Amino acid sequence: MPILSPYSALLFSLALLGNAAVLAQEKPVSSKSEPAKPVFTIPEPPALTEAAKQLLDGVNKRITNINTQELQALLKAQPETVVIDVRTPAELALLGGRIEAPQFFNITRGWLEFQIESYVPNKNTPIVTYCGVNQRSPLAAETLMKLGYANVKNYSDGFFKWRAAGMPVLSLDKSPNSFLYDLPQEVIPNVWSAIGATAPGTYDNSGHNNNLSFIITEDGVLVMNAGDNYLLAQSLHEEIRKRTKQPVKYVVLENSQGHAMLGSNYWKEQGAKIVAHRHTAEHIEKYGYEALAVMKSRARDKAFKTEVALPDIVFDDKLDLKMGSWNIQVLHLGNAHHHGDTMVWLPERKLVISGDTAFHERMLPVFEDTDTKRWIEVWDKFEALGAEIVIPGHGGPTDMKTVRKWTRDYLVYLRGKVAELIRNGGSLDDAYKIDQSAYLHLHTSEELAKINAGRIFRSMEFE
């Protein structure tokens, strides 16, 4: 357990005792009832000595402080602004998460001087510091100024006031009593989805960083994605059992990534059949144990009982499943994001569980073997389905117009900019500098924007 400051230790203890307001107020409610409006308690700042008050007062006179409205406006006008939370990771995990910002880092106050240049090498980058109640972050802002950072501001309202004002917050775990990051929500009658974190898989989110969806029919349940590990799959099954007595008959894998398929052995134990595209099955057989090793290194004890399991039913382009009154089509329209990209289409209900063909809340990742030209070609067939509701691979349910804007249009834009660079003799370094500011509000953009540009540049050199 990390060593905490007295204030952090107090909050940590309150959280463990169940008295932290966030743990009580952010618990998801049933989709059948109106969600209660959360009421958050803003902690009183700890008492300071006179010397500490004078120190803090002096610092606040030398730095630029901004309030909630000003920070909100700044993030909208300058999404490249780096927001730094200087609290401990334990505080973020137990006390409601952190401010949602396109460019975010959690750098504990004590490590700021030693780590900042590896996170933010350009000293002209706009930076905003904050903490919980504005006692550590003013000192952090002045420290950055002394280190030569030229555009530093401090968010003086602090995290708890930001959250109480209803501003966007990202939680490390919305459902602390389950391995699921968040509990399932009903999208339309009998179609549910447990929306995963849009961040990478971590120990905190138990690898639930993609959407785990299920369809309840009169003839059993179909699940989309096996989950990242055995215990996560088991947690999803517990939620399914709260909603129906029907058995899970099929588990469809959207692709061969670990968070889609590593929970398969749990479902096989329950008697379900694992369904995958032929390319997905081949990829699991070839690389599944590598994915398992990566997951085990991250998940540690949470990897309990997880083993690689091969699919039971393999299809090529289309698999029709009649389950009670439900006509369910399992479709492969072509490899777009990954090998064997698979979606579940409900034609009578105009709903598609798209898998990673569609993104909107997080920036799509371009892998080394992603063919972005083919992805755009696949998109035309995908959109021709006529879906009105889209449950994407990541992020909440939405519509086709939204996923088109942040998936297809992003690919078209980036490919167009890269093509222009290549025509003009540009280099890979130039690709990294392509203006992606219109997309930097998307989650994980700080990790993926330059990588995506570079990979598209390298692939288009040989198209």
Protein backbone atom coordinates (compact mmCIF):
# COMPACT_ATOMS: atom_id res chain seq x y z
CA MET A 1 0.00 0.00 0.00
CA PRO A 2 1.39 3.44 -0.87
CA ILE A 3 2.42 5.83 1.89
CA LEU A 4 -0.18 8.60 2.05
CA SER A 5 -0.14 12.11 3.44
CA PRO A 6 -2.28 12.56 6.60
CA TYR A 7 -5.09 14.07 4.51
CA SER A 8 -4.89 11.27 1.92
CA ALA A 9 -4.80 8.68 4.68
CA LEU A 10 -7.94 10.20 6.21
CA LEU A 11 -9.80 10.08 2.91
CA PHE A 12 -8.51 6.57 2.25
CA SER A 13 -9.84 5.42 5.62
CA LEU A 14 -13.20 7.08 5.06
CA ALA A 15 -13.51 5.32 1.73
CA LEU A 16 -12.73 1.94 3.27
CA LEU A 17 -15.38 2.56 5.94
CA GLY A 18 -17.94 3.29 3.25
CA ASN A 19 -18.39 6.91 4.30
CA ALA A 20 -16.94 8.47 1.15
CA ALA A 21 -19.86 10.04 -0.67
CA VAL A 22 -18.63 8.99 -4.07
CA LEU A 23 -18.84 5.28 -3.30
CA ALA A 24 -22.46 5.64 -2.25
CA GLN A 25 -23.58 8.14 -4.88
CA GLU A 26 -21.95 6.85 -8.05
CA LYS A 27 -23.34 3.31 -7.75
CA PRO A 28 -25.30 2.58 -10.94
CA VAL A 29 -29.04 2.13 -10.57
CA SER A 30 -31.41 -0.19 -12.39
CA SER A 31 -32.28 0.90 -15.91
CA LYS A 32 -35.94 0.32 -14.97
CA SER A 33 -35.98 3.30 -12.58
CA GLU A 34 -35.08 6.95 -12.83
CA PRO A 35 -31.50 7.48 -11.66
CA ALA A 36 -31.20 9.57 -8.54
CA LYS A 37 -29.36 12.84 -8.95
CA PRO A 38 -26.05 12.43 -7.12
CA VAL A 39 -25.38 14.67 -4.14
CA PHE A 40 -21.68 14.91 -3.41
CA THR A 41 -20.01 15.97 -0.19
CA ILE A 42 -17.14 18.41 -0.67
CA PRO A 43 -14.53 17.63 2.03
CA GLU A 44 -13.36 20.41 4.28
CA PRO A 45 -9.70 21.25 3.66
CA PRO A 46 -7.45 20.06 6.47
CA ALA A 47 -6.35 22.65 8.97
CA LEU A 48 -3.08 24.45 8.21
CA THR A 49 -0.57 26.08 10.49
CA GLU A 50 -0.08 29.83 10.21
CA ALA A 51 3.25 29.26 8.49
CA ALA A 52 1.60 26.94 5.95
CA LYS A 53 -1.19 29.46 5.32
CA GLN A 54 1.34 32.20 4.66
CA LEU A 55 3.29 29.92 2.33
CA LEU A 56 0.15 29.02 0.37
CA ASP A 57 -1.05 32.64 0.25
CA GLY A 58 2.29 33.72 -1.16
CA VAL A 59 2.27 31.01 -3.80
CA ASN A 60 -1.26 31.90 -4.90
CA LYS A 61 -0.17 35.49 -5.51
CA ARG A 62 2.61 34.32 -7.85
CA ILE A 63 0.62 31.85 -9.95
CA THR A 64 -2.43 32.09 -12.22
CA ASN A 65 -5.54 30.51 -10.72
CA ILE A 66 -8.65 29.60 -12.76
CA ASN A 67 -12.11 28.47 -11.67
CA THR A 68 -14.44 25.76 -12.97
CA GLN A 69 -15.97 27.81 -15.76
CA GLU A 70 -12.56 28.99 -16.91
CA LEU A 71 -11.14 25.46 -16.97
CA GLN A 72 -14.15 24.20 -18.89
CA ALA A 73 -13.71 26.97 -21.47
CA LEU A 74 -9.96 26.36 -21.68
CA LEU A 75 -10.36 22.64 -22.38
CA LYS A 76 -12.88 23.42 -25.12
CA ALA A 77 -10.70 26.08 -26.75
CA GLN A 78 -7.37 24.31 -26.26
CA PRO A 79 -7.87 20.52 -26.08
CA GLU A 80 -4.09 20.11 -26.20
CA THR A 81 -3.91 21.49 -22.63
CA VAL A 82 -2.23 18.99 -20.30
CA VAL A 83 -4.18 18.52 -17.07
CA ILE A 84 -2.16 17.13 -14.15
CA ASP A 85 -3.77 15.65 -11.04
CA VAL A 86 -1.15 15.72 -8.27
CA ARG A 87 -3.08 13.50 -5.85
CA THR A 88 -2.07 9.92 -5.09
CA PRO A 89 -3.38 7.05 -7.26
CA ALA A 90 -5.23 5.74 -4.19
CA GLU A 91 -7.22 8.97 -4.00
CA LEU A 92 -8.22 8.70 -7.64
CA ALA A 93 -9.23 5.07 -7.20
CA LEU A 94 -11.29 5.54 -4.04
CA LEU A 95 -12.63 9.09 -4.19
CA GLY A 96 -14.48 9.39 -7.46
CA GLY A 97 -11.86 9.33 -10.21
CA ARG A 98 -10.44 12.36 -11.94
CA ILE A 99 -11.29 15.24 -14.25
CA GLU A 100 -12.04 14.08 -17.79
CA ALA A 101 -9.60 15.84 -20.10
CA PRO A 102 -8.10 14.90 -23.49
CA GLN A 103 -4.52 15.25 -22.26
CA PHE A 104 -4.29 13.99 -18.68
CA PHE A 105 -1.56 12.70 -16.37
CA ASN A 106 -1.62 11.66 -12.72
CA ILE A 107 1.78 12.72 -11.35
CA THR A 108 1.93 12.64 -7.57
CA ARG A 109 3.10 15.96 -6.10
CA GLY A 110 6.26 14.40 -4.63
CA TRP A 111 7.38 13.06 -8.01
CA LEU A 112 6.50 16.08 -10.15
CA GLU A 113 10.00 17.53 -10.44
CA PHE A 114 11.47 14.16 -11.38
CA GLN A 115 8.86 13.01 -13.90
CA ILE A 116 7.38 16.05 -15.62
CA GLU A 117 9.89 16.29 -18.47
CA SER A 118 9.24 12.71 -19.54
CA TYR A 119 5.50 13.44 -19.70
CA VAL A 120 5.64 17.00 -21.06
CA PRO A 121 8.96 17.69 -22.85
CA ASN A 122 7.80 20.90 -24.56
CA LYS A 123 7.91 23.70 -21.99
CA ASN A 124 5.50 25.86 -24.01
CA THR A 125 2.72 23.29 -23.60
CA PRO A 126 -0.30 24.72 -21.74
CA ILE A 127 -0.62 22.97 -18.36
CA VAL A 128 -3.25 23.03 -15.62
CA THR A 129 -2.57 21.51 -12.19
CA TYR A 130 -5.20 20.51 -9.64
CA CYS A 131 -5.76 18.42 -6.52
CA GLY A 132 -8.75 17.79 -4.27
CA VAL A 133 -9.08 21.00 -2.26
CA ASN A 134 -6.40 23.29 -3.71
CA GLN A 135 -3.58 22.81 -1.20
CA ARG A 136 -1.02 20.75 -3.14
CA SER A 137 -1.70 21.98 -6.67
CA PRO A 138 -0.68 25.66 -6.16
CA LEU A 139 2.73 24.44 -5.04
CA ALA A 140 2.85 22.14 -8.07
CA ALA A 141 2.03 25.02 -10.42
CA GLU A 142 4.80 27.19 -9.00
CA THR A 143 7.24 24.28 -9.21
CA LEU A 144 6.50 23.91 -12.93
CA MET A 145 7.02 27.63 -13.46
CA LYS A 146 10.40 27.41 -11.72
CA LEU A 147 11.31 24.50 -14.02
CA GLY A 148 10.75 26.76 -17.02
CA TYR A 149 7.21 25.86 -18.09
CA ALA A 150 5.84 29.04 -19.60
CA ASN A 151 2.07 28.46 -19.66
CA VAL A 152 0.97 27.06 -16.30
CA LYS A 153 -2.33 27.60 -14.52
CA ASN A 154 -3.80 26.14 -11.35
CA TYR A 155 -7.41 24.99 -11.07
CA SER A 156 -8.24 26.46 -7.69
CA ASP A 157 -11.75 24.99 -7.22
CA GLY A 158 -10.31 21.47 -7.03
CA PHE A 159 -11.64 18.08 -8.06
CA PHE A 160 -14.50 17.82 -5.57
CA LYS A 161 -16.09 21.10 -6.70
CA TRP A 162 -15.62 20.07 -10.35
CA ARG A 163 -17.50 16.84 -9.69
CA ALA A 164 -20.19 18.55 -7.58
CA ALA A 165 -20.78 20.98 -10.47
CA GLY A 166 -21.61 18.06 -12.75
CA MET A 167 -18.50 18.43 -14.90
CA PRO A 168 -17.13 15.38 -16.81
CA VAL A 169 -15.37 12.88 -14.55
CA LEU A 170 -13.65 9.58 -15.34
CA SER A 171 -13.85 6.92 -12.65
CA LEU A 172 -11.34 4.10 -12.30
CA ASP A 173 -14.20 1.80 -11.31
CA LYS A 174 -17.91 2.64 -11.48
CA SER A 175 -18.91 -0.63 -9.87
CA PRO A 176 -16.54 -1.30 -6.95
CA ASN A 177 -18.45 -4.38 -5.77
CA SER A 178 -18.01 -6.22 -9.07
CA PHE A 179 -15.17 -7.11 -11.42
CA LEU A 180 -17.16 -5.21 -14.03
CA TYR A 181 -16.12 -1.61 -14.56
CA ASP A 182 -19.81 -0.72 -14.81
CA LEU A 183 -23.01 -2.74 -14.46
CA PRO A 184 -25.13 -3.58 -17.52
CA GLN A 185 -27.58 -1.03 -18.89
CA GLU A 186 -30.62 -1.93 -20.96
CA VAL A 187 -30.25 -0.34 -24.40
CA ILE A 188 -33.56 -1.58 -25.80
CA PRO A 189 -35.84 -4.19 -24.21
CA ASN A 190 -33.81 -7.37 -23.57
CA VAL A 191 -30.59 -6.02 -25.09
CA TRP A 192 -28.05 -5.08 -22.43
CA SER A 193 -24.49 -3.81 -22.40
CA ALA A 194 -21.92 -3.46 -19.61
CA ILE A 195 -19.95 -0.47 -20.90
CA GLY A 196 -16.25 -0.85 -20.20
CA ALA A 197 -13.65 1.78 -19.39
CA THR A 198 -12.36 3.64 -22.43
CA ALA A 199 -8.87 3.57 -20.91
CA PRO A 200 -6.52 0.63 -21.50
CA GLY A 201 -7.03 -2.50 -19.45
CA THR A 202 -5.66 -2.13 -15.92
CA TYR A 203 -5.68 -3.99 -12.63
CA ASP A 204 -8.22 -1.43 -11.33
CA ASN A 205 -10.74 -2.00 -14.13
CA SER A 206 -10.09 -5.78 -14.15
CA GLY A 207 -9.56 -5.70 -17.91
CA HIS A 208 -13.12 -4.51 -18.52
CA ASN A 209 -12.18 -1.87 -21.07
CA ASN A 210 -14.52 -2.99 -23.84
CA ASN A 211 -18.27 -3.49 -24.02
CA LEU A 212 -19.74 -6.79 -22.86
CA SER A 213 -23.23 -7.07 -24.30
CA PHE A 214 -25.96 -9.68 -24.16
CA ILE A 215 -29.35 -10.44 -25.73
CA ILE A 216 -32.04 -12.21 -23.69
CA THR A 217 -34.38 -14.29 -25.85
CA GLU A 218 -37.08 -16.86 -25.14
CA ASP A 219 -34.59 -19.54 -26.17
CA GLY A 220 -31.49 -18.54 -24.22
CA VAL A 221 -28.97 -15.73 -24.05
CA LEU A 222 -26.36 -14.61 -26.59
CA VAL A 223 -23.32 -12.77 -25.22
CA MET A 224 -21.06 -10.52 -27.27
CA ASN A 225 -17.44 -10.87 -26.03
CA ALA A 226 -16.16 -13.41 -23.54
CA GLY A 227 -14.32 -10.80 -21.44
CA ASP A 228 -10.69 -10.34 -20.48
CA ASN A 229 -10.51 -13.14 -17.88
CA TYR A 230 -12.40 -15.92 -16.14
CA LEU A 231 -13.50 -13.83 -13.13
CA LEU A 232 -14.73 -10.96 -15.30
CA ALA A 233 -16.79 -13.40 -17.38
CA GLN A 234 -18.19 -14.86 -14.17
CA SER A 235 -19.15 -11.37 -12.95
CA LEU A 236 -21.00 -10.68 -16.18
CA HIS A 237 -22.81 -14.00 -15.86
CA GLU A 238 -23.90 -13.08 -12.33
CA GLU A 239 -25.54 -9.95 -13.74
CA ILE A 240 -27.22 -11.91 -16.53
CA ARG A 241 -28.67 -14.32 -13.96
CA LYS A 242 -30.23 -11.38 -12.10
CA ARG A 243 -32.20 -10.58 -15.24
CA THR A 244 -33.17 -13.99 -16.62
CA LYS A 245 -33.21 -17.71 -15.86
CA GLN A 246 -32.37 -18.50 -19.48
CA PRO A 247 -28.98 -20.17 -20.04
CA VAL A 248 -26.21 -18.54 -22.04
CA LYS A 249 -26.10 -20.53 -25.29
CA TYR A 250 -23.67 -18.55 -27.44
CA VAL A 251 -20.73 -16.23 -26.81
CA VAL A 252 -19.65 -14.31 -29.92
CA LEU A 253 -16.10 -12.92 -30.12
CA GLU A 254 -15.74 -9.56 -31.86
CA ASN A 255 -12.08 -10.29 -32.64
CA SER A 256 -9.03 -12.08 -31.23
CA GLN A 257 -7.92 -9.39 -28.76
CA GLY A 258 -7.49 -10.57 -25.18
CA HIS A 259 -10.35 -8.58 -23.74
CA ALA A 260 -12.70 -10.17 -26.27
CA MET A 261 -11.70 -13.81 -25.91
CA LEU A 262 -9.71 -14.71 -22.77
CA GLY A 263 -12.83 -15.35 -20.68
CA SER A 264 -13.95 -18.08 -23.08
CA ASN A 265 -12.99 -21.00 -20.84
CA TYR A 266 -15.44 -19.77 -18.18
CA TRP A 267 -18.30 -19.75 -20.69
CA LYS A 268 -17.37 -23.19 -21.99
CA GLU A 269 -17.65 -24.49 -18.43
CA GLN A 270 -21.22 -23.18 -18.40
CA GLY A 271 -22.07 -25.07 -21.59
CA ALA A 272 -22.05 -22.10 -23.96
CA LYS A 273 -20.71 -22.36 -27.52
CA ILE A 274 -17.96 -19.90 -28.49
CA VAL A 275 -18.55 -18.35 -31.93
CA ALA A 276 -15.76 -16.69 -33.92
CA HIS A 277 -14.78 -15.80 -37.46
CA ARG A 278 -12.25 -18.09 -39.08
CA HIS A 279 -9.49 -15.45 -38.97
CA THR A 280 -10.19 -14.83 -35.28
CA ALA A 281 -9.96 -18.53 -34.52
CA GLU A 282 -6.66 -18.82 -36.40
CA HIS A 283 -5.25 -15.80 -34.58
CA ILE A 284 -6.26 -17.16 -31.16
CA GLU A 285 -4.62 -20.50 -31.92
CA LYS A 286 -1.42 -18.78 -33.04
CA TYR A 287 -1.14 -15.89 -30.56
CA GLY A 288 -3.59 -16.66 -27.76
CA TYR A 289 -0.96 -17.74 -25.25
CA GLU A 290 0.97 -14.51 -25.80
CA ALA A 291 -2.20 -12.54 -25.03
CA LEU A 292 -2.75 -14.68 -21.93
CA ALA A 293 0.78 -13.97 -20.68
CA VAL A 294 0.32 -10.22 -21.16
CA MET A 295 -2.98 -10.30 -19.31
CA LYS A 296 -1.55 -12.34 -16.42
CA SER A 297 1.31 -9.86 -15.95
CA ARG A 298 -1.24 -7.06 -15.58
CA ALA A 299 -4.09 -8.84 -13.81
CA ARG A 300 -1.98 -10.91 -11.36
CA ASP A 301 -4.43 -12.57 -8.93
CA LYS A 302 -7.38 -11.49 -11.07
CA ALA A 303 -6.17 -13.85 -13.80
CA PHE A 304 -7.30 -16.79 -11.62
CA LYS A 305 -8.42 -19.85 -13.68
CA THR A 306 -8.10 -18.03 -17.03
CA GLU A 307 -6.89 -20.25 -19.87
CA VAL A 308 -6.89 -20.06 -23.66
CA ALA A 309 -9.93 -21.76 -25.20
CA LEU A 310 -10.55 -22.20 -28.92
CA PRO A 311 -13.92 -21.39 -30.54
CA ASP A 312 -16.54 -24.12 -31.01
CA ILE A 313 -18.32 -22.60 -34.03
CA VAL A 314 -16.31 -20.97 -36.82
CA PHE A 315 -17.96 -19.01 -39.65
CA ASP A 316 -16.79 -17.07 -42.69
CA ASP A 317 -19.14 -14.26 -43.71
CA LYS A 318 -22.47 -14.78 -41.96
CA LEU A 319 -24.04 -16.98 -39.31
CA ASP A 320 -27.82 -16.90 -38.83
CA LEU A 321 -29.07 -17.78 -35.36
CA LYS A 322 -32.78 -18.17 -34.65
CA MET A 323 -33.38 -17.84 -30.91
CA GLY A 324 -37.06 -17.80 -30.05
CA SER A 325 -38.62 -14.85 -31.87
CA TRP A 326 -35.21 -13.24 -32.44
CA ASN A 327 -33.46 -13.34 -35.80
CA ILE A 328 -29.80 -12.74 -34.99
CA GLN A 329 -27.14 -12.32 -37.67
CA VAL A 330 -23.48 -12.71 -36.80
CA LEU A 331 -21.62 -10.84 -39.55
CA HIS A 332 -18.09 -10.46 -40.85
CA LEU A 333 -18.09 -7.64 -43.40
CA GLY A 334 -14.32 -7.73 -43.80
CA ASN A 335 -11.19 -7.21 -41.70
CA ALA A 336 -11.29 -3.54 -40.68
CA HIS A 337 -9.83 -2.79 -37.26
CA HIS A 338 -8.53 -6.31 -36.58
CA HIS A 339 -8.49 -9.90 -37.76
CA GLY A 340 -11.96 -11.36 -38.16
CA ASP A 341 -13.91 -8.25 -37.10
CA THR A 342 -17.36 -9.50 -36.12
CA MET A 343 -20.64 -7.77 -35.32
CA VAL A 344 -24.11 -8.87 -34.24
CA TRP A 345 -27.01 -7.41 -36.24
CA LEU A 346 -30.66 -7.42 -35.16
CA PRO A 347 -32.48 -6.45 -38.37
CA GLU A 348 -36.00 -6.21 -36.91
CA ARG A 349 -34.79 -3.93 -34.13
CA LYS A 350 -32.33 -1.88 -36.24
CA LEU A 351 -29.63 -2.40 -33.61
CA VAL A 352 -26.06 -3.49 -34.28
CA ILE A 353 -23.44 -4.53 -31.75
CA SER A 354 -20.59 -3.37 -33.95
CA GLY A 355 -17.48 -4.47 -32.11
CA ASP A 356 -14.37 -2.50 -33.01
CA THR A 357 -15.55 -1.53 -36.47
CA ALA A 358 -16.99 1.62 -34.86
CA PHE A 359 -15.63 4.08 -32.28
CA HIS A 360 -16.87 7.39 -30.89
CA GLU A 361 -15.83 8.14 -27.28
CA ARG A 362 -12.26 6.92 -27.49
CA MET A 363 -9.84 7.40 -30.36
CA LEU A 364 -9.63 4.36 -32.57
CA PRO A 365 -6.24 2.59 -32.54
CA VAL A 366 -4.41 1.74 -35.75
CA PHE A 367 -2.42 -1.46 -35.28
CA GLU A 368 0.62 -2.47 -37.30
CA ASP A 369 -1.54 -4.79 -39.38
CA THR A 370 -4.66 -2.56 -39.56
CA ASP A 371 -5.62 -1.80 -43.16
CA THR A 372 -7.26 1.62 -42.94
CA LYS A 373 -8.13 1.67 -46.67
CA ARG A 374 -10.04 -1.58 -46.29
CA TRP A 375 -11.64 -0.29 -43.07
CA ILE A 376 -13.24 2.54 -45.06
CA GLU A 377 -14.43 0.03 -47.68
CA VAL A 378 -15.93 -2.17 -44.95
CA TRP A 379 -17.61 0.90 -43.48
CA ASP A 380 -19.79 1.33 -46.57
CA LYS A 381 -21.18 -2.19 -46.10
CA PHE A 382 -21.57 -1.58 -42.37
CA GLU A 383 -23.55 1.62 -42.86
CA ALA A 384 -25.70 -0.04 -45.53
CA LEU A 385 -27.20 -2.27 -42.82
CA GLY A 386 -29.38 0.68 -41.83
CA ALA A 387 -28.78 0.49 -38.08
CA GLU A 388 -30.43 3.15 -35.95
CA ILE A 389 -28.75 2.12 -32.69
CA VAL A 390 -25.07 1.22 -32.43
CA ILE A 391 -23.43 -0.45 -29.45
CA PRO A 392 -19.77 0.05 -30.34
CA GLY A 393 -16.77 -1.87 -29.09
CA HIS A 394 -15.96 0.95 -26.66
CA GLY A 395 -18.14 3.74 -25.27
CA GLY A 396 -21.87 3.99 -24.73
CA PRO A 397 -24.69 3.23 -27.17
CA THR A 398 -25.11 5.82 -29.90
CA ASP A 399 -26.23 6.21 -33.53
CA MET A 400 -24.66 5.71 -36.94
CA LYS A 401 -24.11 9.42 -37.55
CA THR A 402 -21.95 9.69 -34.43
CA VAL A 403 -19.75 6.67 -35.06
CA ARG A 404 -19.35 7.72 -38.70
CA LYS A 405 -17.98 11.10 -37.60
CA TRP A 406 -15.42 9.71 -35.17
CA THR A 407 -14.46 6.57 -37.10
CA ARG A 408 -14.87 6.77 -40.88
CA ASP A 409 -14.43 10.54 -41.11
CA TYR A 410 -11.34 10.39 -38.88
CA LEU A 411 -9.76 7.71 -41.09
CA VAL A 412 -10.60 9.66 -44.25
CA TYR A 413 -9.15 12.85 -42.76
CA LEU A 414 -5.92 11.27 -41.54
CA ARG A 415 -5.37 9.31 -44.75
CA GLY A 416 -5.98 12.47 -46.75
CA LYS A 417 -3.41 14.42 -44.75
CA VAL A 418 -0.86 11.61 -45.06
CA ALA A 419 -1.45 11.32 -48.82
CA GLU A 420 -0.81 15.06 -49.13
CA LEU A 421 2.43 14.69 -47.16
CA ILE A 422 3.64 11.84 -49.35
CA ARG A 423 2.87 13.77 -52.55
CA ASN A 424 4.91 16.69 -51.23
CA GLY A 425 7.86 14.57 -50.15
CA GLY A 426 7.04 14.72 -46.43
CA SER A 427 8.61 12.47 -43.84
CA LEU A 428 7.45 10.32 -40.94
CA ASP A 429 8.33 13.19 -38.60
CA ASP A 430 5.95 15.40 -40.58
CA ALA A 431 3.20 12.81 -40.15
CA TYR A 432 3.54 13.05 -36.37
CA LYS A 433 2.84 16.80 -36.67
CA ILE A 434 -0.46 16.46 -38.56
CA ASP A 435 -3.10 18.62 -36.91
CA GLN A 436 -5.48 16.28 -35.07
CA SER A 437 -6.85 18.92 -32.70
CA ALA A 438 -10.45 18.19 -33.75
CA TYR A 439 -10.02 14.68 -32.33
CA LEU A 440 -7.94 15.31 -29.20
CA HIS A 441 -10.99 15.32 -26.93
CA LEU A 442 -11.39 11.59 -27.58
CA HIS A 443 -10.24 9.31 -24.78
CA THR A 444 -6.74 7.80 -25.26
CA SER A 445 -5.91 10.40 -27.94
CA GLU A 446 -2.78 11.39 -25.99
CA GLU A 447 -1.50 7.85 -26.54
CA LEU A 448 -2.77 7.14 -30.02
CA ALA A 449 -2.88 10.29 -32.19
CA LYS A 450 0.79 10.30 -33.21
CA ILE A 451 0.99 6.50 -33.36
CA ASN A 452 -2.00 6.41 -35.72
CA ALA A 453 -0.49 9.04 -38.01
CA GLY A 454 2.85 7.26 -38.11
CA ARG A 455 1.39 3.85 -38.87
CA ILE A 456 -0.86 5.20 -41.60
CA PHE A 457 2.11 7.03 -43.14
CA ARG A 458 4.23 3.87 -43.21
CA SER A 459 1.45 1.78 -44.74
CA MET A 460 0.48 4.39 -47.37
CA GLU A 461 4.06 4.68 -48.59
CA PHE A 462 3.53 1.26 -50.21
CA GLU A 463 -0.10 1.49 -51.32
